[in-house]
Protein backbone atom coordinates (compact mmCIF):
# COMPACT_ATOMS: atom_id res chain seq x y z
CA MET A 1 21.44 -23.13 9.92
CA ARG A 2 22.36 -20.33 10.99
CA ILE A 3 25.82 -20.63 10.08
CA HIS A 4 25.50 -21.73 6.80
CA TYR A 5 23.23 -18.45 6.74
CA LEU A 6 25.77 -16.05 7.60
CA LYS A 7 28.12 -17.21 5.59
CA ILE A 8 25.78 -16.64 2.59
CA ILE A 9 24.41 -13.49 3.15
CA GLY A 10 28.12 -12.12 4.21
CA THR A 11 28.29 -8.26 2.92
CA LYS A 12 25.34 -8.59 1.12
CA THR A 13 22.30 -6.30 2.05
CA GLU A 14 18.27 -7.24 2.18
CA ALA A 15 18.11 -4.83 -0.20
CA ASP A 16 20.71 -6.23 -2.91
CA LEU A 17 19.31 -9.45 -2.88
CA ILE A 18 16.11 -7.89 -3.53
CA ALA A 19 17.13 -5.49 -6.36
CA TRP A 20 18.64 -9.18 -7.84
CA VAL A 21 15.25 -10.26 -7.22
CA ASN A 22 13.93 -8.07 -9.07
CA GLU A 23 16.11 -7.59 -11.96
CA SER A 24 16.50 -11.56 -12.44
CA THR A 25 12.28 -12.31 -12.13
CA GLU A 26 11.34 -8.40 -13.87
CA PRO A 27 7.92 -9.06 -11.72
CA GLU A 28 4.95 -6.50 -12.67
CA THR A 29 5.34 -4.41 -9.54
CA PRO A 30 8.82 -4.35 -8.34
CA ILE A 31 9.47 -6.01 -5.06
CA LYS A 32 9.88 -4.47 -2.13
CA SER A 33 10.70 -6.65 0.72
CA PHE A 34 10.67 -10.01 1.03
CA ASP A 35 7.08 -10.08 2.58
CA ASP A 36 5.70 -8.88 -0.31
CA PRO A 37 2.43 -10.86 -1.51
CA GLN A 38 4.29 -11.66 -4.53
CA PHE A 39 6.15 -14.32 -2.59
CA ALA A 40 3.25 -16.37 -1.43
CA ASP A 41 2.44 -17.95 -5.15
CA GLY A 42 5.46 -19.15 -5.26
CA LYS A 43 5.94 -18.24 -9.12
CA ILE A 44 8.92 -15.01 -8.44
CA LEU A 45 11.05 -18.64 -6.88
CA ILE A 46 10.25 -20.65 -9.72
CA LYS A 47 11.29 -17.86 -12.03
CA LEU A 48 14.46 -16.87 -10.04
CA ALA A 49 15.67 -20.23 -10.18
CA GLY A 50 14.86 -20.47 -13.35
CA SER A 51 17.50 -17.51 -14.01
CA ILE A 52 20.29 -19.71 -12.92
CA GLU A 53 19.23 -22.87 -15.45
CA PRO A 54 16.22 -21.94 -17.52
CA ARG A 55 16.27 -25.79 -18.46
CA MET A 56 15.13 -27.05 -15.20
CA ILE A 57 11.80 -25.36 -15.49
CA ASN A 58 8.25 -27.55 -16.79
CA HIS A 59 6.71 -24.59 -17.55
CA ASP A 60 3.28 -27.09 -17.61
CA LEU A 61 4.06 -27.73 -13.95
CA ILE A 62 3.69 -23.87 -12.66
CA THR A 63 0.21 -23.25 -11.53
CA PRO A 64 -1.98 -20.20 -11.40
CA GLY A 65 -1.26 -19.99 -7.30
CA SER A 66 -4.77 -18.73 -6.95
CA THR A 67 -5.98 -20.88 -4.44
CA ASP A 68 -4.26 -22.53 -1.24
CA GLU A 69 -3.61 -25.71 -3.22
CA GLU A 70 -2.07 -23.93 -6.15
CA LYS A 71 0.44 -22.10 -3.81
CA GLU A 72 1.46 -25.15 -2.00
CA LEU A 73 2.57 -26.95 -5.30
CA ASN A 74 4.37 -24.15 -6.60
CA ALA A 75 6.23 -23.60 -3.71
CA LYS A 76 7.35 -27.63 -3.93
CA TYR A 77 7.96 -26.79 -7.01
CA ALA A 78 10.58 -23.99 -6.72
CA ILE A 79 12.05 -25.87 -3.35
CA SER A 80 12.78 -29.02 -5.48
CA ILE A 81 14.24 -26.76 -8.62
CA ALA A 82 16.33 -25.23 -6.26
CA ARG A 83 17.53 -28.27 -4.35
CA LYS A 84 18.24 -29.97 -7.51
CA LEU A 85 20.31 -26.76 -8.52
CA GLY A 86 22.29 -27.74 -5.48
CA ALA A 87 21.36 -24.25 -3.33
CA VAL A 88 20.76 -25.49 0.34
CA ILE A 89 17.00 -25.01 1.32
CA PHE A 90 16.41 -24.93 4.94
CA MET A 91 12.41 -23.81 4.75
CA VAL A 92 9.95 -25.60 4.02
CA TRP A 93 6.95 -25.45 1.47
CA ASP A 94 4.41 -23.37 3.93
CA ASP A 95 7.14 -20.73 4.36
CA ILE A 96 6.40 -19.42 1.24
CA PRO A 97 2.57 -18.72 0.90
CA ARG A 98 3.11 -17.49 4.53
CA LEU A 99 5.71 -15.04 3.94
CA ASN A 100 7.94 -16.22 6.02
CA LYS A 101 10.23 -12.86 5.32
CA LYS A 102 13.60 -14.86 6.92
CA MET A 103 12.87 -18.16 5.10
CA LEU A 104 12.44 -16.50 1.88
CA LEU A 105 15.55 -14.05 2.08
CA ILE A 106 17.32 -17.41 2.81
CA PHE A 107 15.90 -18.79 0.40
CA CYS A 108 17.06 -15.75 -2.42
CA CYS A 109 20.33 -15.99 -0.69
CA SER A 110 21.20 -19.77 -1.43
CA LEU A 111 20.17 -19.00 -4.95
CA TYR A 112 22.33 -15.64 -5.44
CA ASP A 113 25.23 -17.69 -3.83
CA LEU A 114 24.73 -20.38 -6.13
CA LYS A 115 24.62 -18.33 -9.55
CA HIS A 116 27.63 -16.24 -8.93
CA ASN A 117 29.36 -18.75 -7.85
CA LEU A 118 28.70 -21.17 -11.02
CA ALA A 119 29.54 -17.96 -12.55
């Protein structure tokens, strides 16, 4: 995992990736770091995956993310979409609501790499 992560991140900084997340998802309030509470409900990650291939998103499956169960469903859906897109994902669903900064960074980095290698 560490070797793959270092290969993907390359020369990108956390600030570069956060800027890309903000640009791609247009959150209500700009995200400042990978432990930002906006990641907890999983919707930002679903939007991020949708910025790569919008047809992959079934909006009927996205929940408001206000309960723990809804956060779990969104987190599992975000991981599922990323994997279907071909991203290498090492995280488990509960890394998202727990705001596991390292795993969120790797998740976003994998999507960044996927998007920029498709272009």
